[in-house]
């Protein structure tokens, strides 16, 4: 028996899937404004897709919502609202409005309409992808 404590490295292992997912997130965030911010990360079961997504969410301070196969749009909106700390009550359009306000920053008054329309369109695209 030994009295020595093993040395443990407390950092994240540089796994290939974690690095690739991080590169995907960086590419989506730093894309030109005219391109959509959509990325696809896929693979067989057990290859670390979920772990990579959780790690990237922690690294970038993003919100992480894991969708179930049987979820409806309203269920997705409620889960997203819960993650953002927004009230989950009301209809789908009510939730969309609250989520947009929670996620998007307020711009100067002259840009409000374009900002609102852009955020609303982006959220609608994200919800459509959940089908």
N, C-alpha and C. Protein backbone atom coordinates (compact mmCIF):
# COMPACT_ATOMS: atom_id res chain seq x y z
N UNK A 1 0.84 -1.17 0.00
CA UNK A 1 0.00 0.00 0.00
C UNK A 1 0.88 1.23 0.00
N UNK A 2 0.49 2.23 -0.70
CA UNK A 2 1.27 3.46 -0.78
C UNK A 2 0.51 4.60 -0.14
N UNK A 3 1.23 5.55 0.43
CA UNK A 3 0.62 6.72 1.06
C UNK A 3 0.51 7.90 0.10
N UNK A 4 1.06 7.76 -1.08
CA UNK A 4 1.06 8.87 -2.03
C UNK A 4 -0.31 9.00 -2.69
N UNK A 5 -0.73 10.23 -2.87
CA UNK A 5 -1.98 10.52 -3.58
C UNK A 5 -1.67 10.62 -5.07
N UNK A 6 -2.50 10.03 -5.91
CA UNK A 6 -2.26 10.16 -7.36
C UNK A 6 -2.50 11.60 -7.82
N UNK A 7 -1.71 12.01 -8.78
CA UNK A 7 -1.87 13.35 -9.35
C UNK A 7 -2.98 13.27 -10.39
N UNK A 8 -3.97 14.14 -10.23
CA UNK A 8 -5.12 14.13 -11.13
C UNK A 8 -5.14 15.44 -11.90
N UNK A 9 -5.24 15.33 -13.21
CA UNK A 9 -5.35 16.51 -14.05
C UNK A 9 -6.82 16.92 -14.11
N UNK A 10 -7.16 18.09 -13.60
CA UNK A 10 -8.56 18.51 -13.50
C UNK A 10 -9.07 19.24 -14.74
N UNK A 11 -8.31 19.26 -15.80
CA UNK A 11 -8.78 19.93 -17.01
C UNK A 11 -9.51 18.94 -17.90
N UNK A 12 -10.18 19.46 -18.92
CA UNK A 12 -10.89 18.60 -19.86
C UNK A 12 -9.90 17.95 -20.81
N UNK A 13 -10.07 16.67 -21.01
CA UNK A 13 -9.20 15.97 -21.95
C UNK A 13 -9.44 16.49 -23.36
N UNK A 14 -8.38 16.69 -24.13
CA UNK A 14 -8.54 17.22 -25.49
C UNK A 14 -9.05 16.15 -26.46
N UNK A 15 -10.28 15.71 -26.26
CA UNK A 15 -10.87 14.71 -27.13
C UNK A 15 -11.19 15.32 -28.48
N UNK A 16 -11.09 14.51 -29.50
CA UNK A 16 -11.33 14.99 -30.86
C UNK A 16 -12.74 15.53 -31.03
N UNK A 17 -13.73 14.82 -30.49
CA UNK A 17 -15.11 15.27 -30.68
C UNK A 17 -15.38 16.59 -29.95
N UNK A 18 -14.76 16.79 -28.78
CA UNK A 18 -14.93 18.04 -28.06
C UNK A 18 -14.29 19.18 -28.84
N UNK A 19 -13.10 18.94 -29.39
CA UNK A 19 -12.42 19.97 -30.17
C UNK A 19 -13.20 20.31 -31.45
N UNK A 20 -13.73 19.29 -32.11
CA UNK A 20 -14.49 19.54 -33.34
C UNK A 20 -15.78 20.30 -33.05
N UNK A 21 -16.46 19.95 -31.97
CA UNK A 21 -17.69 20.67 -31.63
C UNK A 21 -17.36 22.11 -31.27
N UNK A 22 -16.26 22.33 -30.55
CA UNK A 22 -15.84 23.69 -30.23
C UNK A 22 -15.54 24.50 -31.48
N UNK A 23 -14.91 23.86 -32.46
CA UNK A 23 -14.64 24.53 -33.74
C UNK A 23 -15.93 24.86 -34.47
N UNK A 24 -16.92 23.96 -34.39
CA UNK A 24 -18.22 24.20 -35.02
C UNK A 24 -18.92 25.39 -34.37
N UNK A 25 -18.90 25.45 -33.05
CA UNK A 25 -19.52 26.57 -32.34
C UNK A 25 -18.82 27.87 -32.70
N UNK A 26 -17.49 27.86 -32.71
CA UNK A 26 -16.74 29.07 -33.08
C UNK A 26 -17.07 29.52 -34.50
N UNK A 27 -17.18 28.57 -35.43
CA UNK A 27 -17.52 28.92 -36.81
C UNK A 27 -18.91 29.52 -36.91
N UNK A 28 -19.86 29.01 -36.13
CA UNK A 28 -21.22 29.55 -36.15
C UNK A 28 -21.28 30.95 -35.54
N UNK A 29 -20.52 31.15 -34.46
CA UNK A 29 -20.55 32.44 -33.78
C UNK A 29 -19.82 33.50 -34.59
N UNK A 30 -18.70 33.16 -35.21
CA UNK A 30 -17.88 34.13 -35.92
C UNK A 30 -18.15 34.16 -37.42
N UNK A 31 -19.31 33.73 -37.83
CA UNK A 31 -19.68 33.69 -39.25
C UNK A 31 -19.98 35.11 -39.75
N UNK A 32 -19.92 35.32 -41.06
CA UNK A 32 -20.39 36.59 -41.61
C UNK A 32 -21.90 36.74 -41.35
N UNK A 33 -22.37 37.95 -41.19
CA UNK A 33 -23.75 38.20 -40.79
C UNK A 33 -24.77 37.71 -41.81
N UNK A 34 -24.37 37.57 -43.07
CA UNK A 34 -25.33 37.14 -44.09
C UNK A 34 -25.51 35.62 -44.12
N UNK A 35 -24.72 34.88 -43.38
CA UNK A 35 -24.83 33.42 -43.35
C UNK A 35 -25.62 32.97 -42.12
N UNK A 36 -26.38 31.88 -42.24
CA UNK A 36 -27.14 31.39 -41.08
C UNK A 36 -26.21 30.76 -40.04
N UNK A 37 -26.56 30.89 -38.79
CA UNK A 37 -25.75 30.34 -37.70
C UNK A 37 -26.20 28.94 -37.32
N UNK A 38 -26.21 28.05 -38.28
CA UNK A 38 -26.67 26.68 -38.05
C UNK A 38 -25.51 25.73 -38.29
N UNK A 39 -25.31 24.81 -37.36
CA UNK A 39 -24.28 23.80 -37.50
C UNK A 39 -24.87 22.43 -37.19
N UNK A 40 -24.30 21.40 -37.78
CA UNK A 40 -24.78 20.03 -37.54
C UNK A 40 -23.62 19.21 -36.99
N UNK A 41 -23.88 18.53 -35.89
CA UNK A 41 -22.90 17.65 -35.27
C UNK A 41 -23.58 16.31 -35.06
N UNK A 42 -23.15 15.30 -35.77
CA UNK A 42 -23.85 14.02 -35.72
C UNK A 42 -22.85 12.87 -35.60
N UNK A 43 -23.35 11.72 -35.26
CA UNK A 43 -22.52 10.54 -35.15
C UNK A 43 -23.26 9.43 -34.45
N UNK A 44 -22.60 8.30 -34.33
CA UNK A 44 -23.21 7.14 -33.69
C UNK A 44 -23.36 7.35 -32.19
N UNK A 45 -24.21 6.55 -31.61
CA UNK A 45 -24.46 6.59 -30.17
C UNK A 45 -23.17 6.30 -29.40
N UNK A 46 -22.94 7.09 -28.35
CA UNK A 46 -21.80 6.84 -27.49
C UNK A 46 -20.51 7.51 -27.90
N UNK A 47 -20.53 8.36 -28.90
CA UNK A 47 -19.31 9.03 -29.36
C UNK A 47 -19.07 10.38 -28.69
N UNK A 48 -19.94 10.78 -27.76
CA UNK A 48 -19.69 12.00 -26.99
C UNK A 48 -20.30 13.26 -27.54
N UNK A 49 -21.35 13.14 -28.33
CA UNK A 49 -21.98 14.35 -28.88
C UNK A 49 -22.60 15.20 -27.77
N UNK A 50 -23.32 14.57 -26.86
CA UNK A 50 -23.95 15.31 -25.77
C UNK A 50 -22.90 15.93 -24.87
N UNK A 51 -21.87 15.18 -24.53
CA UNK A 51 -20.81 15.71 -23.68
C UNK A 51 -20.13 16.91 -24.34
N UNK A 52 -19.90 16.82 -25.64
CA UNK A 52 -19.28 17.93 -26.37
C UNK A 52 -20.17 19.17 -26.33
N UNK A 53 -21.48 18.97 -26.50
CA UNK A 53 -22.42 20.10 -26.48
C UNK A 53 -22.47 20.75 -25.11
N UNK A 54 -22.50 19.93 -24.06
CA UNK A 54 -22.53 20.47 -22.70
C UNK A 54 -21.23 21.23 -22.41
N UNK A 55 -20.11 20.66 -22.81
CA UNK A 55 -18.82 21.33 -22.60
C UNK A 55 -18.77 22.68 -23.33
N UNK A 56 -19.22 22.70 -24.58
CA UNK A 56 -19.22 23.95 -25.34
C UNK A 56 -20.17 24.96 -24.72
N UNK A 57 -21.31 24.50 -24.21
CA UNK A 57 -22.26 25.42 -23.56
C UNK A 57 -21.63 26.05 -22.33
N UNK A 58 -20.91 25.26 -21.54
CA UNK A 58 -20.24 25.81 -20.36
C UNK A 58 -19.13 26.77 -20.76
N UNK A 59 -18.39 26.42 -21.79
CA UNK A 59 -17.26 27.25 -22.22
C UNK A 59 -17.71 28.60 -22.76
N UNK A 60 -18.85 28.62 -23.45
CA UNK A 60 -19.32 29.85 -24.09
C UNK A 60 -20.45 30.53 -23.33
N UNK A 61 -20.80 30.00 -22.17
CA UNK A 61 -21.91 30.52 -21.35
C UNK A 61 -23.23 30.49 -22.12
N UNK A 62 -23.41 29.47 -22.92
CA UNK A 62 -24.64 29.31 -23.70
C UNK A 62 -25.67 28.56 -22.87
N UNK A 63 -26.90 28.59 -23.32
CA UNK A 63 -27.98 27.81 -22.70
C UNK A 63 -28.06 26.48 -23.42
N UNK A 64 -28.26 25.42 -22.67
CA UNK A 64 -28.33 24.08 -23.26
C UNK A 64 -29.69 23.48 -22.96
N UNK A 65 -30.43 23.15 -24.00
CA UNK A 65 -31.73 22.50 -23.86
C UNK A 65 -31.67 21.21 -24.67
N UNK A 66 -31.89 20.09 -24.00
CA UNK A 66 -31.89 18.80 -24.69
C UNK A 66 -33.34 18.44 -25.00
N UNK A 67 -33.66 18.28 -26.27
CA UNK A 67 -35.03 18.03 -26.72
C UNK A 67 -35.32 16.54 -26.78
N UNK A 68 -36.53 16.20 -26.34
CA UNK A 68 -36.99 14.82 -26.46
C UNK A 68 -37.59 14.59 -27.83
N UNK A 69 -37.64 13.33 -28.25
CA UNK A 69 -38.18 13.00 -29.57
C UNK A 69 -39.65 13.36 -29.70
N UNK A 70 -40.40 13.27 -28.62
CA UNK A 70 -41.84 13.50 -28.69
C UNK A 70 -42.24 14.93 -28.35
N UNK A 71 -41.27 15.81 -28.19
CA UNK A 71 -41.58 17.19 -27.80
C UNK A 71 -42.30 17.93 -28.91
N UNK A 72 -43.23 18.78 -28.50
CA UNK A 72 -43.90 19.69 -29.42
C UNK A 72 -43.15 21.01 -29.41
N UNK A 73 -43.55 21.92 -30.28
CA UNK A 73 -42.94 23.25 -30.29
C UNK A 73 -43.16 23.95 -28.96
N UNK A 74 -44.37 23.81 -28.41
CA UNK A 74 -44.69 24.46 -27.14
C UNK A 74 -43.84 23.89 -26.01
N UNK A 75 -43.61 22.59 -26.01
CA UNK A 75 -42.78 21.98 -24.96
C UNK A 75 -41.35 22.48 -25.07
N UNK A 76 -40.85 22.61 -26.29
CA UNK A 76 -39.51 23.16 -26.49
C UNK A 76 -39.43 24.59 -25.99
N UNK A 77 -40.44 25.40 -26.31
CA UNK A 77 -40.45 26.79 -25.85
C UNK A 77 -40.48 26.87 -24.33
N UNK A 78 -41.25 26.00 -23.70
CA UNK A 78 -41.32 26.01 -22.23
C UNK A 78 -39.97 25.61 -21.61
N UNK A 79 -39.30 24.63 -22.19
CA UNK A 79 -37.99 24.23 -21.69
C UNK A 79 -36.97 25.35 -21.88
N UNK A 80 -37.02 26.01 -23.02
CA UNK A 80 -36.12 27.13 -23.28
C UNK A 80 -36.41 28.29 -22.33
N UNK A 81 -37.68 28.57 -22.09
CA UNK A 81 -38.06 29.63 -21.15
C UNK A 81 -37.58 29.31 -19.74
N UNK A 82 -37.71 28.05 -19.35
CA UNK A 82 -37.23 27.64 -18.02
C UNK A 82 -35.72 27.84 -17.90
N UNK A 83 -34.99 27.48 -18.94
CA UNK A 83 -33.54 27.63 -18.93
C UNK A 83 -33.13 29.10 -18.86
N UNK A 84 -33.92 29.98 -19.47
CA UNK A 84 -33.62 31.41 -19.48
C UNK A 84 -34.16 32.13 -18.25
N UNK A 85 -34.94 31.43 -17.42
CA UNK A 85 -35.51 32.07 -16.23
C UNK A 85 -36.72 32.93 -16.54
N UNK A 86 -37.42 32.60 -17.62
CA UNK A 86 -38.60 33.36 -18.07
C UNK A 86 -39.84 32.57 -17.68
N UNK A 87 -40.94 33.27 -17.42
CA UNK A 87 -42.20 32.61 -17.08
C UNK A 87 -42.63 31.67 -18.21
N UNK A 88 -43.07 30.47 -17.84
CA UNK A 88 -43.47 29.46 -18.82
C UNK A 88 -44.96 29.48 -19.11
N UNK A 89 -45.68 30.41 -18.55
CA UNK A 89 -47.12 30.46 -18.72
C UNK A 89 -47.49 31.13 -20.03
N UNK A 90 -48.64 30.77 -20.56
CA UNK A 90 -49.15 31.41 -21.76
C UNK A 90 -49.05 30.53 -22.98
N UNK A 91 -49.41 31.12 -24.10
CA UNK A 91 -49.41 30.41 -25.38
C UNK A 91 -48.02 30.44 -26.01
N UNK A 92 -47.87 29.74 -27.13
CA UNK A 92 -46.60 29.73 -27.85
C UNK A 92 -46.12 31.12 -28.24
N UNK A 93 -46.99 31.95 -28.87
CA UNK A 93 -46.55 33.30 -29.23
C UNK A 93 -46.14 34.14 -28.02
N UNK A 94 -46.82 33.95 -26.88
CA UNK A 94 -46.44 34.68 -25.67
C UNK A 94 -45.04 34.28 -25.22
N UNK A 95 -44.76 32.98 -25.28
CA UNK A 95 -43.44 32.50 -24.89
C UNK A 95 -42.36 33.00 -25.84
N UNK A 96 -42.67 33.01 -27.14
CA UNK A 96 -41.70 33.50 -28.12
C UNK A 96 -41.34 34.95 -27.81
N UNK A 97 -42.33 35.77 -27.51
CA UNK A 97 -42.07 37.18 -27.20
C UNK A 97 -41.17 37.30 -25.97
N UNK A 98 -41.47 36.55 -24.91
CA UNK A 98 -40.68 36.63 -23.68
C UNK A 98 -39.25 36.12 -23.90
N UNK A 99 -39.11 35.07 -24.68
CA UNK A 99 -37.78 34.53 -24.95
C UNK A 99 -36.96 35.51 -25.77
N UNK A 100 -37.57 36.14 -26.75
CA UNK A 100 -36.86 37.13 -27.57
C UNK A 100 -36.37 38.27 -26.69
N UNK A 101 -37.22 38.75 -25.82
CA UNK A 101 -36.83 39.85 -24.93
C UNK A 101 -35.69 39.42 -24.02
N UNK A 102 -35.72 38.18 -23.54
CA UNK A 102 -34.68 37.69 -22.64
C UNK A 102 -33.35 37.48 -23.35
N UNK A 103 -33.39 37.09 -24.62
CA UNK A 103 -32.17 36.73 -25.34
C UNK A 103 -31.52 37.92 -26.03
N UNK A 104 -32.32 38.74 -26.69
CA UNK A 104 -31.78 39.82 -27.52
C UNK A 104 -31.52 41.06 -26.69
N UNK A 105 -30.50 41.76 -27.07
CA UNK A 105 -30.19 43.04 -26.42
C UNK A 105 -31.03 44.14 -27.04
N UNK A 106 -31.28 45.16 -26.25
CA UNK A 106 -32.06 46.30 -26.75
C UNK A 106 -31.11 47.24 -27.49
N UNK A 107 -31.51 47.62 -28.68
CA UNK A 107 -30.72 48.53 -29.51
C UNK A 107 -31.29 49.94 -29.40
N UNK A 108 -30.57 50.93 -29.91
CA UNK A 108 -31.13 52.29 -29.94
C UNK A 108 -32.47 52.30 -30.67
N UNK A 109 -33.31 53.24 -30.32
CA UNK A 109 -34.69 53.26 -30.79
C UNK A 109 -34.82 53.17 -32.31
N UNK A 110 -33.94 53.76 -33.07
CA UNK A 110 -34.04 53.71 -34.52
C UNK A 110 -33.87 52.31 -35.10
N UNK A 111 -33.18 51.44 -34.39
CA UNK A 111 -32.93 50.10 -34.89
C UNK A 111 -33.86 49.05 -34.31
N UNK A 112 -34.77 49.46 -33.44
CA UNK A 112 -35.61 48.49 -32.73
C UNK A 112 -36.39 47.58 -33.65
N UNK A 113 -37.02 48.13 -34.67
CA UNK A 113 -37.88 47.31 -35.51
C UNK A 113 -37.07 46.24 -36.23
N UNK A 114 -35.94 46.64 -36.82
CA UNK A 114 -35.11 45.67 -37.53
C UNK A 114 -34.55 44.62 -36.57
N UNK A 115 -34.16 45.05 -35.37
CA UNK A 115 -33.64 44.14 -34.36
C UNK A 115 -34.71 43.12 -33.96
N UNK A 116 -35.91 43.61 -33.68
CA UNK A 116 -37.01 42.74 -33.25
C UNK A 116 -37.35 41.72 -34.33
N UNK A 117 -37.46 42.20 -35.58
CA UNK A 117 -37.81 41.32 -36.68
C UNK A 117 -36.72 40.26 -36.88
N UNK A 118 -35.46 40.66 -36.77
CA UNK A 118 -34.35 39.73 -36.94
C UNK A 118 -34.31 38.67 -35.85
N UNK A 119 -34.51 39.08 -34.61
CA UNK A 119 -34.52 38.12 -33.51
C UNK A 119 -35.70 37.18 -33.63
N UNK A 120 -36.84 37.72 -33.99
CA UNK A 120 -38.05 36.90 -34.10
C UNK A 120 -37.87 35.86 -35.21
N UNK A 121 -37.29 36.28 -36.34
CA UNK A 121 -37.07 35.35 -37.45
C UNK A 121 -36.07 34.27 -37.06
N UNK A 122 -35.01 34.64 -36.34
CA UNK A 122 -34.01 33.66 -35.91
C UNK A 122 -34.61 32.65 -34.96
N UNK A 123 -35.44 33.10 -34.04
CA UNK A 123 -36.06 32.18 -33.10
C UNK A 123 -37.05 31.26 -33.81
N UNK A 124 -37.80 31.81 -34.76
CA UNK A 124 -38.73 30.96 -35.51
C UNK A 124 -37.98 29.88 -36.28
N UNK A 125 -36.82 30.24 -36.87
CA UNK A 125 -36.02 29.23 -37.58
C UNK A 125 -35.54 28.15 -36.61
N UNK A 126 -35.11 28.56 -35.42
CA UNK A 126 -34.64 27.59 -34.44
C UNK A 126 -35.76 26.65 -34.01
N UNK A 127 -36.95 27.18 -33.85
CA UNK A 127 -38.08 26.34 -33.45
C UNK A 127 -38.46 25.40 -34.58
N UNK A 128 -38.42 25.89 -35.81
CA UNK A 128 -38.76 25.05 -36.96
C UNK A 128 -37.79 23.87 -37.07
N UNK A 129 -36.54 24.07 -36.69
CA UNK A 129 -35.54 23.00 -36.76
C UNK A 129 -35.82 21.89 -35.76
N UNK A 130 -36.60 22.16 -34.74
CA UNK A 130 -36.87 21.16 -33.71
C UNK A 130 -37.91 20.14 -34.14
N UNK A 131 -38.55 20.32 -35.29
CA UNK A 131 -39.60 19.38 -35.72
C UNK A 131 -39.04 18.05 -36.14
